[in-house]
Amino acid sequence: HYGEKDIIGLYHIFVQIVRVLKWNGQVDKAREAFIKFVPDAANSHFAVGSIHKPMGLLLQICEGSSHPYDMDHMPEDIELALACDVSDMTDNNFTGDGWSMKSMAAELCMHLARRIDAGNAARERLIDRGIMMATVAQQRVKASNGMVKHVLAYEANRDIHKALLLLANEEIDIDRNVIYNASNITGRSPLINRKESMSELKSSMKSKTTLAFANKFNVKDDTSKTNGSTAHSNGSSAKSSVPSTPLLISVAAKKKVAFSHLSSFGSNGSASKQSSHHSHESIKESSSKISHESSHLPESVIDSQKCNGAGVV
């Protein structure tokens, strides 16, 4: 009586037996050996528990099996095939025995996909999963220079990989239906679509959120502000404001003032004071020039300026 507790050792022997029987057309004998000698405790084993049920399902539906398959179990079998996987260390050990468990999972996806009509979403998922697993197995049986290092595992995976790629080509040729029906939009005239879009825009502009957001950008007129002068007496301060009269300052005077401020950067305090003094002098000169020029204007022009609120100093 063999030791049923050595699940990993038992699987190493069993995988090689199945590898020989299956690829020689004796799938029924391989399935009988699997049912007879592999205990059910392997289903909960940490290393091979994830491939125990998929292995039994593969020996039931693969080519050469005479066992009938119940299509009612298809949904749960699809989920089983999509979840089938093993760790890299476990797969490397079985690849050395001549059969990668990634190839086994890819073959299971292939046989289930063949039982589903083309264009089905479940079929496409099985094909994609199978190609991914076969690709990993194909890389694992080769060395870094591309040469094959596990011949038996390479031969077992090669044909499965080709068959899955052919199934993928069939899926590409299938005409897919569009999720939404665009006739509701394209069937109407452009004028109707334009009117609806404009009405939606107007309604959105009247919303409270839009108005509250727009009020943040209102620019207030500060011309009514007065020039304040602070006088401190007896520990209290009092502000006296004098109405400011708008001055007509020429562009040249503004440039001269701006240049005088810029030239004071990086200089000492005395230089900045001198520049500010020159700026005030330039403003006075420009304002006096403007007042002198305005004195020669006709009285009608001066009256119109007063009516428009433009004061001439």
Protein backbone atom coordinates (compact mmCIF):
# COMPACT_ATOMS: atom_id res chain seq x y z
CA HIS A 1 0.00 0.00 0.00
CA TYR A 2 1.50 3.35 -1.06
CA GLY A 3 1.68 6.35 1.21
CA GLU A 4 -1.31 8.57 0.53
CA LYS A 5 0.18 11.36 2.61
CA ASP A 6 2.93 12.02 0.07
CA ILE A 7 0.68 13.89 -2.35
CA ILE A 8 3.50 15.69 -4.15
CA GLY A 9 5.50 12.50 -4.70
CA LEU A 10 2.36 10.74 -5.91
CA TYR A 11 1.61 13.50 -8.37
CA HIS A 12 5.14 13.38 -9.77
CA ILE A 13 4.62 9.70 -10.59
CA PHE A 14 1.09 10.18 -11.85
CA VAL A 15 1.89 13.12 -14.17
CA GLN A 16 4.48 11.05 -16.03
CA ILE A 17 2.05 8.11 -16.41
CA VAL A 18 -0.71 10.39 -17.71
CA ARG A 19 1.77 12.08 -20.02
CA VAL A 20 2.58 8.77 -21.70
CA LEU A 21 -0.99 7.39 -21.82
CA LYS A 22 -2.67 10.60 -22.95
CA TRP A 23 -0.31 11.33 -25.83
CA ASN A 24 -0.61 7.75 -27.01
CA GLY A 25 -4.41 7.86 -27.31
CA GLN A 26 -5.24 6.01 -24.07
CA VAL A 27 -7.08 8.78 -22.28
CA ASP A 28 -9.63 6.45 -20.64
CA LYS A 29 -6.86 4.45 -18.96
CA ALA A 30 -5.26 7.66 -17.74
CA ARG A 31 -8.59 8.80 -16.24
CA GLU A 32 -9.11 5.42 -14.53
CA ALA A 33 -5.63 5.60 -12.99
CA PHE A 34 -6.32 9.13 -11.82
CA ILE A 35 -9.58 8.14 -10.10
CA LYS A 36 -8.12 4.97 -8.57
CA PHE A 37 -4.74 6.05 -7.27
CA VAL A 38 -4.94 9.76 -6.55
CA PRO A 39 -6.80 10.37 -3.25
CA ASP A 40 -9.35 13.11 -2.74
CA ALA A 41 -7.06 14.65 -0.14
CA ALA A 42 -5.07 16.13 -3.03
CA ASN A 43 -7.95 18.54 -3.62
CA SER A 44 -7.04 20.47 -0.46
CA HIS A 45 -3.25 20.19 -0.80
CA PHE A 46 -1.36 23.49 -0.75
CA ALA A 47 0.74 22.68 -3.84
CA VAL A 48 -1.49 20.62 -6.16
CA GLY A 49 -4.95 21.38 -4.78
CA SER A 50 -5.60 23.99 -7.48
CA ILE A 51 -4.94 21.51 -10.32
CA HIS A 52 -6.58 18.37 -8.94
CA LYS A 53 -10.13 19.02 -10.19
CA PRO A 54 -8.97 20.65 -13.46
CA MET A 55 -6.86 17.57 -14.19
CA GLY A 56 -9.85 15.24 -13.74
CA LEU A 57 -12.02 17.51 -15.93
CA LEU A 58 -9.38 17.58 -18.68
CA LEU A 59 -9.18 13.78 -18.80
CA GLN A 60 -12.96 13.76 -19.18
CA ILE A 61 -13.34 16.22 -22.08
CA CYS A 62 -10.05 16.01 -23.99
CA GLU A 63 -9.65 14.26 -27.36
CA GLY A 64 -9.73 10.47 -27.10
CA SER A 65 -12.06 10.36 -24.10
CA SER A 66 -15.22 8.25 -24.41
CA HIS A 67 -16.81 9.77 -21.32
CA PRO A 68 -19.88 11.94 -22.10
CA TYR A 69 -19.83 15.53 -20.99
CA ASP A 70 -22.83 17.21 -19.38
CA MET A 71 -23.23 20.73 -20.81
CA ASP A 72 -25.22 21.77 -17.75
CA HIS A 73 -21.94 21.91 -15.84
CA MET A 74 -20.41 24.30 -18.34
CA PRO A 75 -20.71 27.54 -16.27
CA GLU A 76 -18.97 26.12 -13.21
CA ASP A 77 -16.37 24.33 -15.36
CA ILE A 78 -15.55 27.62 -17.09
CA GLU A 79 -14.92 29.29 -13.74
CA LEU A 80 -12.77 26.32 -12.70
CA ALA A 81 -10.65 26.58 -15.85
CA LEU A 82 -10.21 30.33 -15.53
CA ALA A 83 -9.03 29.97 -11.91
CA CYS A 84 -6.66 27.06 -12.55
CA ASP A 85 -3.03 27.92 -11.80
CA VAL A 86 -0.01 26.76 -9.81
CA SER A 87 3.02 28.44 -8.31
CA ASP A 88 6.18 28.83 -10.37
CA MET A 89 8.12 26.39 -8.21
CA THR A 90 5.47 23.67 -8.57
CA ASP A 91 5.21 24.23 -12.30
CA ASN A 92 8.98 24.05 -12.74
CA ASN A 93 9.01 20.68 -10.99
CA PHE A 94 6.26 19.25 -13.22
CA THR A 95 7.85 20.77 -16.33
CA GLY A 96 10.94 18.70 -15.58
CA ASP A 97 8.67 15.62 -15.55
CA GLY A 98 7.59 16.41 -19.12
CA TRP A 99 4.32 18.32 -18.69
CA SER A 100 3.86 21.91 -17.55
CA MET A 101 0.75 22.52 -15.50
CA LYS A 102 0.42 25.81 -17.37
CA SER A 103 0.01 23.70 -20.52
CA MET A 104 -2.58 21.56 -18.75
CA ALA A 105 -4.61 24.67 -17.81
CA ALA A 106 -4.28 26.04 -21.37
CA GLU A 107 -5.52 22.75 -22.85
CA LEU A 108 -8.51 22.73 -20.53
CA CYS A 109 -9.47 26.25 -21.68
CA MET A 110 -9.08 25.16 -25.29
CA HIS A 111 -11.41 22.14 -25.02
CA LEU A 112 -14.08 24.14 -23.19
CA ALA A 113 -13.86 26.94 -25.75
CA ARG A 114 -14.45 24.48 -28.58
CA ARG A 115 -17.80 23.56 -27.03
CA ILE A 116 -19.02 27.20 -27.15
CA ASP A 117 -20.19 29.10 -30.21
CA ALA A 118 -17.94 31.77 -31.67
CA GLY A 119 -18.69 35.28 -30.47
CA ASN A 120 -19.61 34.21 -26.95
CA ALA A 121 -17.97 36.28 -24.23
CA ALA A 122 -17.13 33.20 -22.14
CA ARG A 123 -15.43 31.61 -25.15
CA GLU A 124 -13.29 34.68 -25.64
CA ARG A 125 -12.27 34.69 -21.98
CA LEU A 126 -11.25 31.04 -22.17
CA ILE A 127 -9.17 31.63 -25.29
CA ASP A 128 -7.40 34.63 -23.79
CA ARG A 129 -6.67 32.76 -20.59
CA GLY A 130 -5.42 29.73 -22.50
CA ILE A 131 -3.09 31.79 -24.67
CA MET A 132 -1.64 33.47 -21.61
CA MET A 133 -0.98 30.17 -19.84
CA ALA A 134 0.48 28.57 -22.98
CA THR A 135 2.76 31.56 -23.49
CA VAL A 136 4.13 31.23 -19.96
CA ALA A 137 4.71 27.52 -20.48
CA GLN A 138 6.41 28.20 -23.81
CA GLN A 139 8.85 30.58 -22.13
CA ARG A 140 9.48 28.15 -19.27
CA VAL A 141 10.55 25.24 -21.48
CA LYS A 142 13.18 27.35 -23.26
CA ALA A 143 16.55 28.66 -22.16
CA SER A 144 17.53 32.33 -22.23
CA ASN A 145 19.10 31.90 -25.69
CA GLY A 146 15.84 30.45 -27.10
CA MET A 147 16.95 26.81 -27.18
CA VAL A 148 14.58 24.14 -25.85
CA LYS A 149 15.65 22.67 -22.51
CA HIS A 150 12.55 20.51 -21.77
CA VAL A 151 11.74 18.62 -24.98
CA LEU A 152 8.69 16.67 -23.80
CA ALA A 153 7.09 19.68 -22.13
CA TYR A 154 7.82 21.77 -25.24
CA GLU A 155 6.16 19.27 -27.58
CA ALA A 156 3.13 18.99 -25.29
CA ASN A 157 2.63 22.77 -25.21
CA ARG A 158 3.41 23.62 -28.84
CA ASP A 159 0.29 22.15 -30.45
CA ILE A 160 -1.97 23.54 -27.74
CA HIS A 161 -0.54 27.02 -28.27
CA LYS A 162 -1.17 26.79 -32.03
CA ALA A 163 -4.76 25.60 -31.57
CA LEU A 164 -5.54 28.47 -29.20
CA LEU A 165 -4.15 31.02 -31.66
CA LEU A 166 -6.40 29.60 -34.39
CA LEU A 167 -9.41 29.95 -32.11
CA ALA A 168 -8.39 33.54 -31.43
CA ASN A 169 -8.37 34.26 -35.16
CA GLU A 170 -11.93 32.96 -35.40
CA GLU A 171 -12.98 35.39 -32.67
CA ILE A 172 -11.40 38.31 -34.52
CA ASP A 173 -13.42 37.57 -37.67
CA ILE A 174 -16.72 37.68 -35.77
CA ASP A 175 -18.82 40.81 -36.36
CA ARG A 176 -19.64 42.34 -32.98
CA ASN A 177 -22.82 44.22 -32.17
CA VAL A 178 -22.55 47.75 -30.84
CA ILE A 179 -23.70 48.29 -27.26
CA TYR A 180 -25.77 51.45 -27.95
CA ASN A 181 -28.06 52.36 -30.84
CA ALA A 182 -26.94 55.58 -32.50
CA SER A 183 -30.15 55.98 -34.53
CA ASN A 184 -31.70 58.02 -31.72
CA ILE A 185 -29.07 60.69 -32.29
CA THR A 186 -28.27 60.49 -36.01
CA GLY A 187 -31.93 60.13 -37.01
CA ARG A 188 -32.77 63.67 -35.96
CA SER A 189 -31.93 66.77 -37.97
CA PRO A 190 -28.88 68.86 -37.01
CA LEU A 191 -31.16 71.86 -36.36
CA ILE A 192 -33.05 69.98 -33.64
CA ASN A 193 -29.83 68.85 -32.02
CA ARG A 194 -28.51 72.43 -32.10
CA LYS A 195 -31.66 73.87 -30.52
CA GLU A 196 -31.60 71.27 -27.75
CA SER A 197 -27.95 71.93 -27.00
CA MET A 198 -28.57 75.69 -26.82
CA SER A 199 -31.53 75.26 -24.50
CA GLU A 200 -29.46 73.05 -22.22
CA LEU A 201 -26.72 75.67 -22.20
CA LYS A 202 -29.17 78.45 -21.26
CA SER A 203 -30.70 76.40 -18.47
CA SER A 204 -27.27 75.61 -17.08
CA MET A 205 -26.32 79.29 -17.09
CA LYS A 206 -29.38 80.08 -14.95
CA SER A 207 -28.49 77.60 -12.27
CA LYS A 208 -27.55 78.83 -8.80
CA THR A 209 -24.17 77.13 -8.92
CA THR A 210 -23.19 78.86 -12.14
CA LEU A 211 -24.30 82.27 -10.88
CA ALA A 212 -22.46 81.83 -7.58
CA PHE A 213 -19.32 80.89 -9.47
CA ALA A 214 -19.63 83.86 -11.85
CA ASN A 215 -20.09 86.35 -8.98
CA LYS A 216 -16.58 85.60 -7.80
CA PHE A 217 -15.22 87.29 -10.91
CA ASN A 218 -17.23 90.57 -10.68
CA VAL A 219 -14.85 93.56 -10.84
CA LYS A 220 -15.78 96.43 -8.54
CA ASP A 221 -15.12 100.06 -9.48
CA ASP A 222 -12.63 101.59 -7.02
CA THR A 223 -12.79 105.13 -8.44
CA SER A 224 -15.10 106.16 -5.62
CA LYS A 225 -12.44 105.45 -3.03
CA THR A 226 -10.89 108.50 -1.42
CA ASN A 227 -7.29 109.26 -0.59
CA GLY A 228 -6.81 108.92 3.17
CA SER A 229 -4.45 110.85 5.32
CA THR A 230 -3.93 109.68 8.91
CA ALA A 231 -3.40 112.11 11.74
CA HIS A 232 -2.33 110.72 15.15
CA SER A 233 -3.21 112.73 18.20
CA ASN A 234 -3.62 111.70 21.90
CA GLY A 235 -3.16 108.01 21.08
CA SER A 236 -6.05 107.99 18.59
CA SER A 237 -5.98 108.14 14.80
CA ALA A 238 -8.45 109.95 12.57
CA LYS A 239 -8.74 109.58 8.82
CA SER A 240 -9.53 112.55 6.64
CA SER A 241 -10.46 111.88 3.09
CA VAL A 242 -10.34 114.31 0.20
CA PRO A 243 -12.17 113.52 -3.01
CA SER A 244 -9.65 112.48 -5.59
CA THR A 245 -9.71 114.26 -8.92
CA PRO A 246 -8.72 112.12 -11.88
CA LEU A 247 -5.56 113.38 -13.56
CA LEU A 248 -4.91 113.19 -17.25
CA ILE A 249 -1.40 111.75 -17.32
CA SER A 250 0.30 111.09 -20.60
CA VAL A 251 1.66 107.68 -21.56
CA ALA A 252 5.20 109.03 -21.61
CA ALA A 253 4.86 110.16 -18.00
CA LYS A 254 3.58 106.73 -16.95
CA LYS A 255 6.53 105.05 -18.63
CA LYS A 256 8.91 107.46 -16.96
CA VAL A 257 7.45 106.67 -13.54
CA ALA A 258 7.53 102.92 -14.13
CA PHE A 259 11.13 103.12 -15.32
CA SER A 260 12.14 105.12 -12.28
CA HIS A 261 10.63 102.48 -9.97
CA LEU A 262 12.39 99.64 -11.80
CA SER A 263 15.73 101.40 -11.74
CA SER A 264 15.58 101.63 -7.94
CA PHE A 265 15.69 97.82 -7.51
CA GLY A 266 18.95 96.64 -6.00
CA SER A 267 20.09 100.14 -5.01
CA ASN A 268 20.43 101.66 -1.55
CA GLY A 269 17.73 103.52 0.32
CA SER A 270 18.83 106.94 -0.81
CA ALA A 271 18.60 105.93 -4.46
CA SER A 272 15.05 104.70 -4.00
CA LYS A 273 14.06 107.94 -2.30
CA GLN A 274 15.57 109.98 -5.11
CA SER A 275 13.76 107.89 -7.74
CA SER A 276 10.44 108.34 -5.95
CA HIS A 277 11.09 112.09 -5.71
CA HIS A 278 11.83 112.26 -9.45
CA SER A 279 8.67 110.26 -10.17
CA HIS A 280 6.52 112.72 -8.23
CA GLU A 281 8.18 115.61 -10.01
CA SER A 282 7.53 113.97 -13.40
CA ILE A 283 3.84 113.53 -12.54
CA LYS A 284 3.55 117.19 -11.52
CA GLU A 285 5.26 118.31 -14.73
CA SER A 286 3.00 116.16 -16.90
CA SER A 287 -0.13 117.35 -15.12
CA SER A 288 0.93 121.00 -15.44
CA LYS A 289 1.54 120.48 -19.16
CA ILE A 290 -1.88 118.98 -19.61
CA SER A 291 -3.55 121.81 -17.69
CA HIS A 292 -1.62 124.32 -19.78
CA GLU A 293 -2.69 122.64 -22.97
CA SER A 294 -6.28 122.41 -21.82
CA SER A 295 -6.38 126.14 -21.18
CA HIS A 296 -6.04 126.73 -24.95
CA LEU A 297 -8.96 124.45 -25.76
CA PRO A 298 -12.25 125.94 -26.85
CA GLU A 299 -14.87 126.48 -24.18
CA SER A 300 -17.25 124.00 -25.83
CA VAL A 301 -14.68 121.21 -25.53
CA ILE A 302 -14.02 122.05 -21.89
CA ASP A 303 -17.75 122.05 -21.13
CA SER A 304 -18.15 118.64 -22.79
CA GLN A 305 -15.30 117.24 -20.72
CA LYS A 306 -16.92 118.51 -17.53
CA CYS A 307 -20.19 116.91 -18.49
CA ASN A 308 -18.47 113.58 -19.13
CA GLY A 309 -16.83 113.68 -15.69
CA ALA A 310 -13.26 114.25 -16.89
CA GLY A 311 -11.68 116.88 -14.69
CA VAL A 312 -8.87 119.04 -15.98
CA VAL A 313 -6.39 120.30 -13.43
